Amino acid sequence: MKLGTLLGLAAIGGFAYAHNKRGGQMNLDSIKETARSLFGGVQERARSVFNQGTNSAKMYEGDNSELRH
């Protein structure tokens, strides 16, 4: 089995697990809601990491900015 196929199957399995964990039904609207929720969570985490990184860089430059935690 190719690595790409294996990663694709793992992604689908992870999504199905998260969907069932949320109590989602097997219809298109419920699946869309799960996808939006998962991608929204990923975006929030990415923004949080990015903001922490930019604040840390400012602290090292000596501009007296504060870290947000």
C-alpha atoms as a PDB file:
ATOM      1  CA  MET A   1       0.000   0.000   0.000  1.00  0.00           C
ATOM      2  CA  LYS A   2       1.353   3.425  -0.909  1.00  0.00           C
ATOM      3  CA  LEU A   3       2.077   5.986   1.770  1.00  0.00           C
ATOM      4  CA  GLY A   4      -0.426   8.469   0.281  1.00  0.00           C
ATOM      5  CA  THR A   5      -3.196   5.878   0.353  1.00  0.00           C
ATOM      6  CA  LEU A   6      -2.372   5.007   3.923  1.00  0.00           C
ATOM      7  CA  LEU A   7      -2.439   8.672   4.997  1.00  0.00           C
ATOM      8  CA  GLY A   8      -5.749   9.209   3.194  1.00  0.00           C
ATOM      9  CA  LEU A   9      -7.337   6.249   4.930  1.00  0.00           C
ATOM     10  CA  ALA A  10      -6.009   7.464   8.281  1.00  0.00           C
ATOM     11  CA  ALA A  11      -7.503  10.922   7.661  1.00  0.00           C
ATOM     12  CA  ILE A  12     -10.896   9.460   6.739  1.00  0.00           C
ATOM     13  CA  GLY A  13     -10.824   7.170   9.769  1.00  0.00           C
ATOM     14  CA  GLY A  14      -9.905  10.047  12.072  1.00  0.00           C
ATOM     15  CA  PHE A  15     -12.714  12.154  10.678  1.00  0.00           C
ATOM     16  CA  ALA A  16     -15.216   9.317  11.087  1.00  0.00           C
ATOM     17  CA  TYR A  17     -14.057   8.799  14.684  1.00  0.00           C
ATOM     18  CA  ALA A  18     -14.445  12.502  15.494  1.00  0.00           C
ATOM     19  CA  HIS A  19     -17.863  12.591  13.834  1.00  0.00           C
ATOM     20  CA  ASN A  20     -19.102   9.621  15.864  1.00  0.00           C
ATOM     21  CA  LYS A  21     -17.538  11.048  19.033  1.00  0.00           C
ATOM     22  CA  ARG A  22     -19.566  14.247  18.539  1.00  0.00           C
ATOM     23  CA  GLY A  23     -22.720  12.155  18.181  1.00  0.00           C
ATOM     24  CA  GLY A  24     -23.197  13.124  14.550  1.00  0.00           C
ATOM     25  CA  GLN A  25     -25.705  11.421  12.315  1.00  0.00           C
ATOM     26  CA  MET A  26     -24.751   9.937   8.967  1.00  0.00           C
ATOM     27  CA  ASN A  27     -26.301  12.608   6.775  1.00  0.00           C
ATOM     28  CA  LEU A  28     -24.675  15.335   4.704  1.00  0.00           C
ATOM     29  CA  ASP A  29     -25.651  18.266   6.943  1.00  0.00           C
ATOM     30  CA  SER A  30     -24.239  16.613  10.059  1.00  0.00           C
ATOM     31  CA  ILE A  31     -21.008  15.681   8.264  1.00  0.00           C
ATOM     32  CA  LYS A  32     -20.627  19.275   6.997  1.00  0.00           C
ATOM     33  CA  GLU A  33     -21.107  20.581  10.535  1.00  0.00           C
ATOM     34  CA  THR A  34     -18.421  18.229  11.854  1.00  0.00           C
ATOM     35  CA  ALA A  35     -16.002  19.282   9.100  1.00  0.00           C
ATOM     36  CA  ARG A  36     -16.586  22.978   9.818  1.00  0.00           C
ATOM     37  CA  SER A  37     -16.082  22.396  13.523  1.00  0.00           C
ATOM     38  CA  LEU A  38     -12.825  20.483  13.023  1.00  0.00           C
ATOM     39  CA  PHE A  39     -11.380  23.002  10.562  1.00  0.00           C
ATOM     40  CA  GLY A  40     -12.474  25.894  12.777  1.00  0.00           C
ATOM     41  CA  GLY A  41     -10.636  24.339  15.714  1.00  0.00           C
ATOM     42  CA  VAL A  42      -7.502  23.878  13.629  1.00  0.00           C
ATOM     43  CA  GLN A  43      -7.650  27.517  12.495  1.00  0.00           C
ATOM     44  CA  GLU A  44      -8.021  28.754  16.086  1.00  0.00           C
ATOM     45  CA  ARG A  45      -5.019  26.717  17.223  1.00  0.00           C
ATOM     46  CA  ALA A  46      -2.936  27.931  14.287  1.00  0.00           C
ATOM     47  CA  ARG A  47      -3.802  31.557  15.079  1.00  0.00           C
ATOM     48  CA  SER A  48      -2.921  31.001  18.722  1.00  0.00           C
ATOM     49  CA  VAL A  49       0.481  29.544  17.849  1.00  0.00           C
ATOM     50  CA  PHE A  50       1.130  32.308  15.338  1.00  0.00           C
ATOM     51  CA  ASN A  51       0.206  35.036  17.816  1.00  0.00           C
ATOM     52  CA  GLN A  52       2.456  33.549  20.479  1.00  0.00           C
ATOM     53  CA  GLY A  53       5.307  33.382  18.000  1.00  0.00           C
ATOM     54  CA  THR A  54       4.942  36.982  16.879  1.00  0.00           C
ATOM     55  CA  ASN A  55       4.697  38.213  20.454  1.00  0.00           C
ATOM     56  CA  SER A  56       7.812  36.269  21.453  1.00  0.00           C
ATOM     57  CA  ALA A  57       9.745  37.782  18.564  1.00  0.00           C
ATOM     58  CA  LYS A  58       8.725  41.268  19.680  1.00  0.00           C
ATOM     59  CA  MET A  59       9.894  40.547  23.217  1.00  0.00           C
ATOM     60  CA  TYR A  60      13.343  39.629  21.934  1.00  0.00           C
ATOM     61  CA  GLU A  61      13.547  42.788  19.833  1.00  0.00           C
ATOM     62  CA  GLY A  62      13.141  44.838  23.006  1.00  0.00           C
ATOM     63  CA  ASP A  63       9.977  46.731  22.087  1.00  0.00           C
ATOM     64  CA  ASN A  64       8.442  46.148  25.564  1.00  0.00           C
ATOM     65  CA  SER A  65       5.451  44.179  24.233  1.00  0.00           C
ATOM     66  CA  GLU A  66       3.698  41.656  26.463  1.00  0.00           C
ATOM     67  CA  LEU A  67       3.093  37.983  25.823  1.00  0.00           C
ATOM     68  CA  ARG A  68      -0.533  36.929  25.628  1.00  0.00           C
ATOM     69  CA  HIS A  69      -1.292  33.572  27.224  1.00  0.00           C
END
